[in-house]
């Protein structure tokens, strides 16, 4: 009986380790670069030219 429990425990621990590893890889590869990325904005939007009309 104890052999069955230890196998189930080992499988559960491995599933948690693999799941955590996948989460860390996703976070560092996809989520983090997206959240730190600066948006691409055209120069005329950042520094508009004032037009004076009389």
Protein backbone atom coordinates (compact mmCIF):
# COMPACT_ATOMS: atom_id res chain seq x y z
CA UNK A 1 0.00 0.00 0.00
CA UNK A 2 2.80 2.44 0.83
CA UNK A 3 4.36 1.90 -2.61
CA UNK A 4 1.13 3.08 -4.26
CA UNK A 5 0.96 6.16 -2.04
CA UNK A 6 4.61 7.07 -2.70
CA UNK A 7 4.10 6.72 -6.47
CA UNK A 8 1.03 8.94 -6.35
CA UNK A 9 2.94 11.46 -4.24
CA UNK A 10 5.84 11.44 -6.70
CA UNK A 11 3.54 11.92 -9.68
CA UNK A 12 1.80 14.80 -7.91
CA UNK A 13 5.10 16.49 -7.07
CA UNK A 14 6.31 16.09 -10.66
CA UNK A 15 3.06 17.59 -11.98
CA UNK A 16 3.46 20.61 -9.69
CA UNK A 17 7.10 21.09 -10.73
CA UNK A 18 6.29 20.81 -14.44
CA UNK A 19 3.29 23.14 -14.10
CA UNK A 20 5.35 25.70 -12.22
CA UNK A 21 8.11 25.50 -14.82
CA UNK A 22 5.64 26.10 -17.64
CA UNK A 23 4.22 29.08 -15.76
CA UNK A 24 7.66 30.63 -15.23
CA UNK A 25 8.63 30.13 -18.88
CA UNK A 26 5.36 31.70 -20.06
CA UNK A 27 5.75 34.64 -17.67
CA UNK A 28 9.34 35.42 -18.66
CA UNK A 29 8.92 34.74 -22.39
CA UNK A 30 5.54 36.26 -23.20
CA UNK A 31 3.89 38.23 -20.39
CA UNK A 32 6.86 40.20 -19.04
CA UNK A 33 8.14 41.54 -22.41
CA UNK A 34 4.58 42.59 -23.36
CA UNK A 35 4.06 44.47 -20.10
CA UNK A 36 7.44 46.25 -20.33
CA UNK A 37 7.20 47.14 -24.01
CA UNK A 38 6.86 50.77 -24.95
CA UNK A 39 4.08 51.52 -27.42
CA UNK A 40 5.06 52.55 -30.94
CA UNK A 41 3.83 56.10 -31.49
CA UNK A 42 4.50 58.25 -34.55
CA UNK A 43 6.78 61.24 -34.16
CA UNK A 44 4.06 63.73 -35.14
CA UNK A 45 1.93 62.49 -32.27
CA UNK A 46 4.74 62.84 -29.74
CA UNK A 47 5.88 66.28 -30.97
CA UNK A 48 3.03 68.02 -32.76
CA UNK A 49 3.73 71.14 -34.78
CA UNK A 50 1.72 74.17 -33.75
CA UNK A 51 -0.07 75.88 -36.61
CA UNK A 52 -0.97 79.49 -36.03
CA UNK A 53 -3.84 80.89 -38.06
CA UNK A 54 -4.67 84.59 -38.04
